[in-house]
Structure formats: C-alpha cells, structure tokens
Amino acid sequence: MDIETLLADKSIRPKEKTETISQWLLDAKIDPEGLIKFAGAAKDQEKATCIEAMEFATKLRPEIADTKWLDFVSGTLTAKAPRVKWESAKVIGNIAHLFPGKLDVAVVNLLTNAEHPGTVVRWSAAFALGEILKTRHPKTQWLIPAVEAICEREEKNSIRKIYLAALKKIKT
C-alpha cells in the first residue's frame, strides 16, 4: 500500500493512518522525499497527516530527518491550515538540535505563528522556539529578547511557561 491509497481508505481511522506512515518512515519502507513531494501537493488534511507522521517519527528518532525535512516544514509553517502550522512546528522542535545554524526561515515563520489567534498554533510555536533557544547557537542569540517580548504579551500561562522554561535553561 502506498501513501495515497492509505490516506484515501475510509475504513482506516485518521490516527491509524498517521501511525502507519510514521512507522513506514522509521522502518525506511517509504522514501522521505516521496512523502515530502506527496505532502507538498496534497490538500491540507492529508498534508497535516503526513507532517504529523513526520512529527511522530522525529520524536522517536530525530536523526532520520535531513535538511529537506527542515526546509519543507519551515515552509509549511506559513500554511493557512492551523493543523499544518502546529504539526510543522512540532517537527522543527524535534529536530532543531540537528540543524542549529540552518533555522533562519523556521525562526521567522515561528515568530509569526507565536502571534496566531489559535492556542495550539501558539503553543507549538513556543515549543519549537524554546527548543531552538536550547541549542544555544550563536545565530539564535538575537532570539532571546524577541521571546522575552512574546512571553510578556502571551495571555495563556501554559504557553508562557514553555518560553520561561527555555529561557531559564539557557541562562543557567
């Protein structure tokens, strides 16, 4: 079975589809470039499912990601669909430590999403930005005051806590 057939199968629950694609990635049963190509052309729901599978896989084994994954999810942070935005941010959070000097596009798009009206989008952006800060890469030092300013404006305590934990970790 291929990705297109899996996603079109109405008898399979959405969560199972995500888990299947994730396992295919982890077991190297599908070509990650093929998944990115498929997801890039897919409708938002299928795109989000593919990105969520990437998130599941990188949570377990971040090293399976390469710069093509980073470039893809950095770009999809600008999608209209909130689920695409938040799944992309979670992938970036999982792999940021692998590419600390190549996060410029991701950071710009995450900062935009940090001001999004959707709580889950903002939470995911906070997670990714926090992980980027934790890399302590010299290119991200300018991000500290930006995150502090976001933290002051953030209305949700749960999101603010993510930023504060990252800031505390890098200042110790």
N, C-alpha and C. Protein backbone atom coordinates (compact mmCIF):
# COMPACT_ATOMS: atom_id res chain seq x y z
N MET A 1 0.84 -1.18 0.00
CA MET A 1 0.00 0.00 0.00
C MET A 1 0.89 1.25 0.00
N ASP A 2 0.48 2.25 -0.76
CA ASP A 2 1.25 3.49 -0.80
C ASP A 2 0.51 4.57 0.01
N ILE A 3 1.13 5.74 0.13
CA ILE A 3 0.58 6.83 0.95
C ILE A 3 -0.79 7.26 0.43
N GLU A 4 -0.89 7.45 -0.86
CA GLU A 4 -2.15 7.92 -1.44
C GLU A 4 -3.29 6.95 -1.17
N THR A 5 -3.03 5.67 -1.35
CA THR A 5 -4.05 4.64 -1.09
C THR A 5 -4.42 4.61 0.38
N LEU A 6 -3.42 4.67 1.24
CA LEU A 6 -3.67 4.67 2.69
C LEU A 6 -4.55 5.84 3.10
N LEU A 7 -4.21 7.03 2.64
CA LEU A 7 -4.97 8.21 3.04
C LEU A 7 -6.38 8.24 2.46
N ALA A 8 -6.58 7.59 1.33
CA ALA A 8 -7.90 7.55 0.70
C ALA A 8 -8.81 6.48 1.31
N ASP A 9 -8.25 5.55 2.04
CA ASP A 9 -9.02 4.43 2.60
C ASP A 9 -9.88 4.91 3.77
N LYS A 10 -11.18 4.95 3.56
CA LYS A 10 -12.13 5.44 4.57
C LYS A 10 -12.30 4.46 5.73
N SER A 11 -11.87 3.22 5.56
CA SER A 11 -12.04 2.22 6.63
C SER A 11 -10.94 2.33 7.70
N ILE A 12 -9.92 3.12 7.43
CA ILE A 12 -8.81 3.29 8.37
C ILE A 12 -8.98 4.62 9.10
N ARG A 13 -8.92 4.56 10.42
CA ARG A 13 -9.07 5.77 11.23
C ARG A 13 -7.89 6.72 10.99
N PRO A 14 -8.12 8.03 11.11
CA PRO A 14 -7.05 9.00 10.88
C PRO A 14 -5.80 8.74 11.72
N LYS A 15 -5.98 8.40 13.00
CA LYS A 15 -4.83 8.15 13.87
C LYS A 15 -4.01 6.97 13.36
N GLU A 16 -4.71 5.93 12.87
CA GLU A 16 -4.01 4.76 12.32
C GLU A 16 -3.21 5.13 11.08
N LYS A 17 -3.75 6.01 10.27
CA LYS A 17 -3.05 6.46 9.06
C LYS A 17 -1.74 7.15 9.45
N THR A 18 -1.83 8.04 10.44
CA THR A 18 -0.64 8.75 10.92
C THR A 18 0.39 7.76 11.46
N GLU A 19 -0.06 6.84 12.29
CA GLU A 19 0.86 5.86 12.88
C GLU A 19 1.49 4.98 11.82
N THR A 20 0.73 4.61 10.81
CA THR A 20 1.26 3.76 9.73
C THR A 20 2.36 4.49 8.96
N ILE A 21 2.09 5.72 8.58
CA ILE A 21 3.10 6.49 7.83
C ILE A 21 4.33 6.71 8.69
N SER A 22 4.14 7.01 9.95
CA SER A 22 5.26 7.19 10.87
C SER A 22 6.11 5.92 10.94
N GLN A 23 5.46 4.79 11.08
CA GLN A 23 6.20 3.52 11.15
C GLN A 23 6.93 3.24 9.85
N TRP A 24 6.30 3.56 8.72
CA TRP A 24 6.97 3.40 7.42
C TRP A 24 8.24 4.23 7.39
N LEU A 25 8.17 5.45 7.90
CA LEU A 25 9.36 6.31 7.94
C LEU A 25 10.45 5.70 8.83
N LEU A 26 10.04 5.26 10.00
CA LEU A 26 11.01 4.68 10.95
C LEU A 26 11.63 3.39 10.42
N ASP A 27 10.86 2.61 9.69
CA ASP A 27 11.35 1.34 9.13
C ASP A 27 11.97 1.49 7.75
N ALA A 28 12.07 2.74 7.27
CA ALA A 28 12.61 3.04 5.94
C ALA A 28 11.86 2.29 4.83
N LYS A 29 10.54 2.17 4.99
CA LYS A 29 9.71 1.50 3.99
C LYS A 29 9.16 2.46 2.95
N ILE A 30 9.31 3.76 3.23
CA ILE A 30 8.94 4.76 2.24
C ILE A 30 10.08 5.77 2.12
N ASP A 31 10.14 6.37 0.96
CA ASP A 31 11.16 7.37 0.68
C ASP A 31 10.69 8.70 1.28
N PRO A 32 11.44 9.26 2.22
CA PRO A 32 11.03 10.53 2.82
C PRO A 32 10.84 11.65 1.78
N GLU A 33 11.66 11.66 0.75
CA GLU A 33 11.50 12.68 -0.29
C GLU A 33 10.17 12.50 -1.01
N GLY A 34 9.76 11.25 -1.20
CA GLY A 34 8.47 10.98 -1.82
C GLY A 34 7.32 11.45 -0.94
N LEU A 35 7.46 11.27 0.36
CA LEU A 35 6.44 11.74 1.29
C LEU A 35 6.34 13.26 1.25
N ILE A 36 7.49 13.92 1.23
CA ILE A 36 7.51 15.38 1.18
C ILE A 36 6.88 15.87 -0.13
N LYS A 37 7.20 15.22 -1.22
CA LYS A 37 6.64 15.60 -2.52
C LYS A 37 5.12 15.41 -2.51
N PHE A 38 4.67 14.26 -1.99
CA PHE A 38 3.24 13.99 -1.91
C PHE A 38 2.56 15.04 -1.03
N ALA A 39 3.10 15.25 0.16
CA ALA A 39 2.50 16.19 1.11
C ALA A 39 2.48 17.60 0.56
N GLY A 40 3.52 17.98 -0.15
CA GLY A 40 3.59 19.32 -0.71
C GLY A 40 2.48 19.62 -1.69
N ALA A 41 2.00 18.59 -2.37
CA ALA A 41 0.93 18.76 -3.36
C ALA A 41 -0.45 18.40 -2.80
N ALA A 42 -0.50 17.88 -1.59
CA ALA A 42 -1.74 17.38 -1.03
C ALA A 42 -2.61 18.50 -0.47
N LYS A 43 -3.90 18.17 -0.26
CA LYS A 43 -4.80 19.09 0.41
C LYS A 43 -4.39 19.17 1.88
N ASP A 44 -4.86 20.20 2.56
CA ASP A 44 -4.43 20.47 3.93
C ASP A 44 -4.58 19.28 4.88
N GLN A 45 -5.69 18.56 4.81
CA GLN A 45 -5.90 17.45 5.75
C GLN A 45 -4.85 16.36 5.55
N GLU A 46 -4.60 15.98 4.30
CA GLU A 46 -3.60 14.95 4.02
C GLU A 46 -2.19 15.46 4.32
N LYS A 47 -1.95 16.73 4.01
CA LYS A 47 -0.64 17.33 4.31
C LYS A 47 -0.37 17.29 5.81
N ALA A 48 -1.38 17.68 6.58
CA ALA A 48 -1.23 17.68 8.04
C ALA A 48 -0.99 16.27 8.57
N THR A 49 -1.66 15.28 8.02
CA THR A 49 -1.46 13.89 8.44
C THR A 49 -0.03 13.45 8.15
N CYS A 50 0.49 13.80 6.99
CA CYS A 50 1.87 13.45 6.65
C CYS A 50 2.86 14.13 7.59
N ILE A 51 2.63 15.40 7.87
CA ILE A 51 3.53 16.14 8.76
C ILE A 51 3.43 15.60 10.18
N GLU A 52 2.22 15.23 10.61
CA GLU A 52 2.07 14.63 11.93
C GLU A 52 2.84 13.31 12.01
N ALA A 53 2.83 12.53 10.93
CA ALA A 53 3.62 11.29 10.89
C ALA A 53 5.11 11.60 11.01
N MET A 54 5.55 12.67 10.36
CA MET A 54 6.95 13.10 10.47
C MET A 54 7.26 13.49 11.92
N GLU A 55 6.29 14.13 12.56
CA GLU A 55 6.47 14.55 13.96
C GLU A 55 6.60 13.33 14.86
N PHE A 56 5.72 12.35 14.68
CA PHE A 56 5.80 11.12 15.48
C PHE A 56 7.16 10.45 15.30
N ALA A 57 7.59 10.35 14.04
CA ALA A 57 8.85 9.67 13.74
C ALA A 57 10.05 10.41 14.33
N THR A 58 10.05 11.74 14.20
CA THR A 58 11.20 12.51 14.71
C THR A 58 11.19 12.62 16.23
N LYS A 59 10.05 12.41 16.83
CA LYS A 59 10.01 12.39 18.30
C LYS A 59 10.78 11.17 18.81
N LEU A 60 10.64 10.05 18.09
CA LEU A 60 11.34 8.82 18.47
C LEU A 60 12.79 8.80 17.99
N ARG A 61 12.99 9.27 16.76
CA ARG A 61 14.33 9.23 16.17
C ARG A 61 14.57 10.49 15.33
N PRO A 62 14.94 11.58 15.98
CA PRO A 62 15.14 12.83 15.24
C PRO A 62 16.15 12.73 14.12
N GLU A 63 17.12 11.84 14.29
CA GLU A 63 18.20 11.74 13.30
C GLU A 63 17.74 11.24 11.93
N ILE A 64 16.51 10.77 11.82
CA ILE A 64 16.04 10.35 10.48
C ILE A 64 15.76 11.54 9.58
N ALA A 65 15.64 12.72 10.18
CA ALA A 65 15.36 13.94 9.41
C ALA A 65 16.63 14.48 8.78
N ASP A 66 16.45 15.09 7.63
CA ASP A 66 17.57 15.77 6.99
C ASP A 66 17.14 17.21 6.68
N THR A 67 17.99 17.95 6.00
CA THR A 67 17.68 19.36 5.74
C THR A 67 16.47 19.52 4.82
N LYS A 68 16.16 18.51 4.02
CA LYS A 68 14.95 18.59 3.18
C LYS A 68 13.70 18.59 4.05
N TRP A 69 13.74 17.81 5.14
CA TRP A 69 12.61 17.81 6.08
C TRP A 69 12.49 19.20 6.69
N LEU A 70 13.63 19.73 7.15
CA LEU A 70 13.63 21.05 7.77
C LEU A 70 13.10 22.12 6.82
N ASP A 71 13.58 22.11 5.58
CA ASP A 71 13.13 23.09 4.60
C ASP A 71 11.62 22.97 4.35
N PHE A 72 11.14 21.73 4.24
CA PHE A 72 9.71 21.51 3.99
C PHE A 72 8.86 22.05 5.13
N VAL A 73 9.15 21.63 6.36
CA VAL A 73 8.30 22.07 7.47
C VAL A 73 8.50 23.55 7.80
N SER A 74 9.66 24.10 7.51
CA SER A 74 9.85 25.55 7.70
C SER A 74 8.92 26.32 6.77
N GLY A 75 8.76 25.80 5.55
CA GLY A 75 7.87 26.43 4.58
C GLY A 75 6.40 26.25 4.92
N THR A 76 6.05 25.08 5.43
CA THR A 76 4.63 24.82 5.72
C THR A 76 4.14 25.54 6.98
N LEU A 77 5.04 26.15 7.71
CA LEU A 77 4.62 26.99 8.84
C LEU A 77 3.75 28.16 8.38
N THR A 78 3.82 28.51 7.10
CA THR A 78 3.04 29.63 6.57
C THR A 78 1.71 29.20 5.96
N ALA A 79 1.39 27.92 6.04
CA ALA A 79 0.12 27.42 5.50
C ALA A 79 -1.05 28.08 6.20
N LYS A 80 -2.21 28.07 5.53
CA LYS A 80 -3.40 28.64 6.15
C LYS A 80 -3.95 27.73 7.25
N ALA A 81 -3.88 26.43 7.04
CA ALA A 81 -4.48 25.48 7.97
C ALA A 81 -3.72 25.44 9.29
N PRO A 82 -4.39 25.71 10.40
CA PRO A 82 -3.71 25.68 11.70
C PRO A 82 -3.04 24.34 11.99
N ARG A 83 -3.68 23.22 11.64
CA ARG A 83 -3.08 21.92 11.95
C ARG A 83 -1.75 21.74 11.22
N VAL A 84 -1.65 22.23 10.00
CA VAL A 84 -0.39 22.15 9.26
C VAL A 84 0.67 22.98 9.99
N LYS A 85 0.29 24.17 10.45
CA LYS A 85 1.22 25.04 11.17
C LYS A 85 1.73 24.36 12.44
N TRP A 86 0.81 23.80 13.24
CA TRP A 86 1.24 23.27 14.54
C TRP A 86 2.00 21.97 14.39
N GLU A 87 1.67 21.13 13.43
CA GLU A 87 2.45 19.90 13.24
C GLU A 87 3.84 20.23 12.72
N SER A 88 3.94 21.21 11.84
CA SER A 88 5.24 21.62 11.32
C SER A 88 6.14 22.15 12.43
N ALA A 89 5.56 22.95 13.31
CA ALA A 89 6.33 23.50 14.43
C ALA A 89 6.85 22.38 15.34
N LYS A 90 6.04 21.36 15.55
CA LYS A 90 6.47 20.26 16.42
C LYS A 90 7.62 19.48 15.79
N VAL A 91 7.58 19.30 14.47
CA VAL A 91 8.71 18.64 13.80
C VAL A 91 9.98 19.47 14.00
N ILE A 92 9.87 20.77 13.80
CA ILE A 92 11.04 21.64 13.98
C ILE A 92 11.56 21.56 15.41
N GLY A 93 10.67 21.55 16.37
CA GLY A 93 11.09 21.40 17.76
C GLY A 93 11.85 20.11 18.00
N ASN A 94 11.42 19.05 17.33
CA ASN A 94 12.08 17.75 17.49
C ASN A 94 13.46 17.68 16.85
N ILE A 95 13.67 18.45 15.77
CA ILE A 95 14.92 18.32 15.02
C ILE A 95 15.83 19.54 15.09
N ALA A 96 15.43 20.58 15.78
CA ALA A 96 16.20 21.83 15.81
C ALA A 96 17.65 21.61 16.23
N HIS A 97 17.87 20.73 17.18
CA HIS A 97 19.24 20.50 17.68
C HIS A 97 20.16 19.89 16.61
N LEU A 98 19.58 19.31 15.57
CA LEU A 98 20.39 18.73 14.49
C LEU A 98 20.87 19.79 13.49
N PHE A 99 20.16 20.90 13.41
CA PHE A 99 20.45 21.92 12.39
C PHE A 99 20.49 23.33 13.00
N PRO A 100 21.25 23.54 14.05
CA PRO A 100 21.18 24.82 14.77
C PRO A 100 21.55 26.03 13.93
N GLY A 101 22.36 25.89 12.92
CA GLY A 101 22.75 27.03 12.10
C GLY A 101 21.90 27.23 10.87
N LYS A 102 20.85 26.40 10.71
CA LYS A 102 20.04 26.46 9.49
C LYS A 102 18.56 26.72 9.78
N LEU A 103 18.31 27.46 10.84
CA LEU A 103 16.93 27.63 11.30
C LEU A 103 16.35 29.02 11.01
N ASP A 104 17.01 29.81 10.18
CA ASP A 104 16.57 31.18 9.95
C ASP A 104 15.12 31.28 9.45
N VAL A 105 14.79 30.52 8.41
CA VAL A 105 13.44 30.56 7.86
C VAL A 105 12.44 30.07 8.90
N ALA A 106 12.78 28.99 9.58
CA ALA A 106 11.89 28.45 10.61
C ALA A 106 11.64 29.49 11.69
N VAL A 107 12.68 30.16 12.16
CA VAL A 107 12.53 31.14 13.24
C VAL A 107 11.61 32.28 12.82
N VAL A 108 11.80 32.81 11.63
CA VAL A 108 10.95 33.91 11.15
C VAL A 108 9.48 33.48 11.13
N ASN A 109 9.22 32.29 10.58
CA ASN A 109 7.85 31.80 10.48
C ASN A 109 7.27 31.43 11.85
N LEU A 110 8.10 30.91 12.74
CA LEU A 110 7.63 30.59 14.09
C LEU A 110 7.28 31.86 14.87
N LEU A 111 8.07 32.91 14.68
CA LEU A 111 7.76 34.17 15.36
C LEU A 111 6.41 34.72 14.89
N THR A 112 6.12 34.55 13.62
CA THR A 112 4.80 34.96 13.12
C THR A 112 3.71 34.11 13.77
N ASN A 113 3.92 32.80 13.83
CA ASN A 113 2.93 31.91 14.42
C ASN A 113 2.77 32.11 15.93
N ALA A 114 3.78 32.68 16.57
CA ALA A 114 3.69 32.96 18.01
C ALA A 114 2.63 34.01 18.30
N GLU A 115 2.19 34.72 17.29
CA GLU A 115 1.15 35.76 17.44
C GLU A 115 -0.19 35.29 16.87
N HIS A 116 -0.28 34.04 16.44
CA HIS A 116 -1.50 33.49 15.83
C HIS A 116 -2.64 33.46 16.86
N PRO A 117 -3.89 33.65 16.43
CA PRO A 117 -5.00 33.61 17.38
C PRO A 117 -5.27 32.20 17.97
N GLY A 118 -4.83 31.16 17.29
CA GLY A 118 -5.07 29.80 17.76
C GLY A 118 -4.10 29.38 18.85
N THR A 119 -4.63 28.89 19.95
CA THR A 119 -3.80 28.50 21.09
C THR A 119 -2.83 27.38 20.73
N VAL A 120 -3.29 26.37 19.99
CA VAL A 120 -2.42 25.24 19.67
C VAL A 120 -1.28 25.68 18.74
N VAL A 121 -1.56 26.58 17.83
CA VAL A 121 -0.51 27.11 16.95
C VAL A 121 0.52 27.85 17.78
N ARG A 122 0.06 28.68 18.71
CA ARG A 122 1.00 29.42 19.57
C ARG A 122 1.78 28.49 20.47
N TRP A 123 1.12 27.47 21.02
CA TRP A 123 1.79 26.50 21.89
C TRP A 123 2.90 25.80 21.11
N SER A 124 2.59 25.36 19.90
CA SER A 124 3.59 24.64 19.09
C SER A 124 4.75 25.55 18.70
N ALA A 125 4.43 26.81 18.39
CA ALA A 125 5.49 27.76 18.08
C ALA A 125 6.38 27.97 19.31
N ALA A 126 5.77 28.05 20.48
CA ALA A 126 6.55 28.20 21.72
C ALA A 126 7.46 27.00 21.93
N PHE A 127 6.93 25.81 21.71
CA PHE A 127 7.73 24.59 21.86
C PHE A 127 8.94 24.64 20.93
N ALA A 128 8.70 24.94 19.65
CA ALA A 128 9.80 24.95 18.68
C ALA A 128 10.80 26.06 18.99
N LEU A 129 10.32 27.25 19.29
CA LEU A 129 11.24 28.35 19.62
C LEU A 129 12.05 28.03 20.88
N GLY A 130 11.42 27.40 21.85
CA GLY A 130 12.14 27.00 23.06
C GLY A 130 13.24 26.01 22.75
N GLU A 131 12.95 25.04 21.89
CA GLU A 131 13.96 24.05 21.51
C GLU A 131 15.09 24.71 20.71
N ILE A 132 14.75 25.68 19.88
CA ILE A 132 15.77 26.40 19.12
C ILE A 132 16.67 27.18 20.08
N LEU A 133 16.08 27.86 21.06
CA LEU A 133 16.89 28.58 22.05
C LEU A 133 17.83 27.64 22.78
N LYS A 134 17.35 26.45 23.11
CA LYS A 134 18.15 25.49 23.86
C LYS A 134 19.38 24.99 23.09
N THR A 135 19.41 25.21 21.78
CA THR A 135 20.61 24.83 21.02
C THR A 135 21.79 25.73 21.37
N ARG A 136 21.47 26.91 21.91
CA ARG A 136 22.48 27.90 22.29
C ARG A 136 23.42 28.28 21.15
N HIS A 137 22.92 28.15 19.95
CA HIS A 137 23.72 28.50 18.78
C HIS A 137 23.87 30.02 18.71
N PRO A 138 25.07 30.50 18.37
CA PRO A 138 25.29 31.96 18.32
C PRO A 138 24.30 32.69 17.39
N LYS A 139 23.83 32.03 16.33
CA LYS A 139 22.89 32.67 15.41
C LYS A 139 21.54 32.94 16.05
N THR A 140 21.26 32.31 17.18
CA THR A 140 19.94 32.47 17.79
C THR A 140 19.95 33.40 19.00
N GLN A 141 21.07 34.01 19.31
CA GLN A 141 21.14 34.89 20.48
C GLN A 141 20.19 36.08 20.37
N TRP A 142 19.98 36.57 19.15
CA TRP A 142 19.07 37.69 18.95
C TRP A 142 17.62 37.31 19.27
N LEU A 143 17.36 36.00 19.31
CA LEU A 143 16.02 35.50 19.55
C LEU A 143 15.59 35.67 21.02
N ILE A 144 16.54 35.74 21.92
CA ILE A 144 16.22 35.84 23.36
C ILE A 144 15.31 37.04 23.67
N PRO A 145 15.68 38.26 23.27
CA PRO A 145 14.78 39.39 23.57
C PRO A 145 13.42 39.28 22.85
N ALA A 146 13.42 38.70 21.67
CA ALA A 146 12.16 38.53 20.95
C ALA A 146 11.23 37.58 21.71
N VAL A 147 11.79 36.49 22.23
CA VAL A 147 11.00 35.53 23.01
C VAL A 147 10.55 36.16 24.32
N GLU A 148 11.40 36.93 24.95
CA GLU A 148 11.01 37.61 26.19
C GLU A 148 9.83 38.56 25.94
N ALA A 149 9.85 39.25 24.81
CA ALA A 149 8.74 40.16 24.47
C ALA A 149 7.45 39.38 24.20
N ILE A 150 7.57 38.27 23.50
CA ILE A 150 6.39 37.42 23.24
C ILE A 150 5.83 36.92 24.57
N CYS A 151 6.72 36.51 25.43
CA CYS A 151 6.33 35.99 26.74
C CYS A 151 5.53 37.01 27.53
N GLU A 152 5.91 38.27 27.45
CA GLU A 152 5.20 39.33 28.16
C GLU A 152 3.80 39.55 27.60
N ARG A 153 3.64 39.35 26.28
CA ARG A 153 2.34 39.57 25.64
C ARG A 153 1.43 38.34 25.71
N GLU A 154 2.01 37.17 25.90
CA GLU A 154 1.23 35.92 25.84
C GLU A 154 0.21 35.87 26.96
N GLU A 155 -1.04 35.64 26.59
CA GLU A 155 -2.14 35.60 27.56
C GLU A 155 -2.29 34.26 28.27
N LYS A 156 -1.87 33.17 27.62
CA LYS A 156 -2.04 31.83 28.19
C LYS A 156 -0.81 31.47 29.02
N ASN A 157 -1.06 31.16 30.28
CA ASN A 157 0.02 30.80 31.19
C ASN A 157 0.74 29.54 30.73
N SER A 158 0.00 28.57 30.16
CA SER A 158 0.62 27.31 29.71
C SER A 158 1.65 27.56 28.61
N ILE A 159 1.38 28.52 27.76
CA ILE A 159 2.32 28.85 26.68
C ILE A 159 3.49 29.65 27.25
N ARG A 160 3.18 30.61 28.11
CA ARG A 160 4.22 31.42 28.75
C ARG A 160 5.22 30.53 29.48
N LYS A 161 4.73 29.48 30.14
CA LYS A 161 5.61 28.56 30.87
C LYS A 161 6.62 27.87 29.96
N ILE A 162 6.23 27.58 28.74
CA ILE A 162 7.15 26.95 27.79
C ILE A 162 8.32 27.89 27.50
N TYR A 163 7.99 29.15 27.22
CA TYR A 163 9.04 30.14 26.97
C TYR A 163 9.93 30.33 28.20
N LEU A 164 9.30 30.47 29.35
CA LEU A 164 10.08 30.72 30.57
C LEU A 164 11.01 29.55 30.90
N ALA A 165 10.56 28.34 30.67
CA ALA A 165 11.41 27.16 30.93
C ALA A 165 12.63 27.17 30.00
N ALA A 166 12.41 27.51 28.74
CA ALA A 166 13.53 27.56 27.80
C ALA A 166 14.51 28.67 28.17
N LEU A 167 13.98 29.84 28.51
CA LEU A 167 14.84 30.96 28.89
C LEU A 167 15.63 30.62 30.16
N LYS A 168 14.99 29.98 31.12
CA LYS A 168 15.69 29.59 32.34
C LYS A 168 16.82 28.62 32.04
N LYS A 169 16.55 27.67 31.16
CA LYS A 169 17.55 26.66 30.84
C LYS A 169 18.78 27.27 30.17
N ILE A 170 18.58 28.24 29.30
CA ILE A 170 19.74 28.81 28.60
C ILE A 170 20.50 29.82 29.45
N LYS A 171 19.86 30.33 30.48
CA LYS A 171 20.52 31.32 31.33
C LYS A 171 21.26 30.70 32.51
N THR A 172 21.17 29.37 32.64
CA THR A 172 21.86 28.71 33.75
C THR A 172 23.17 28.11 33.28
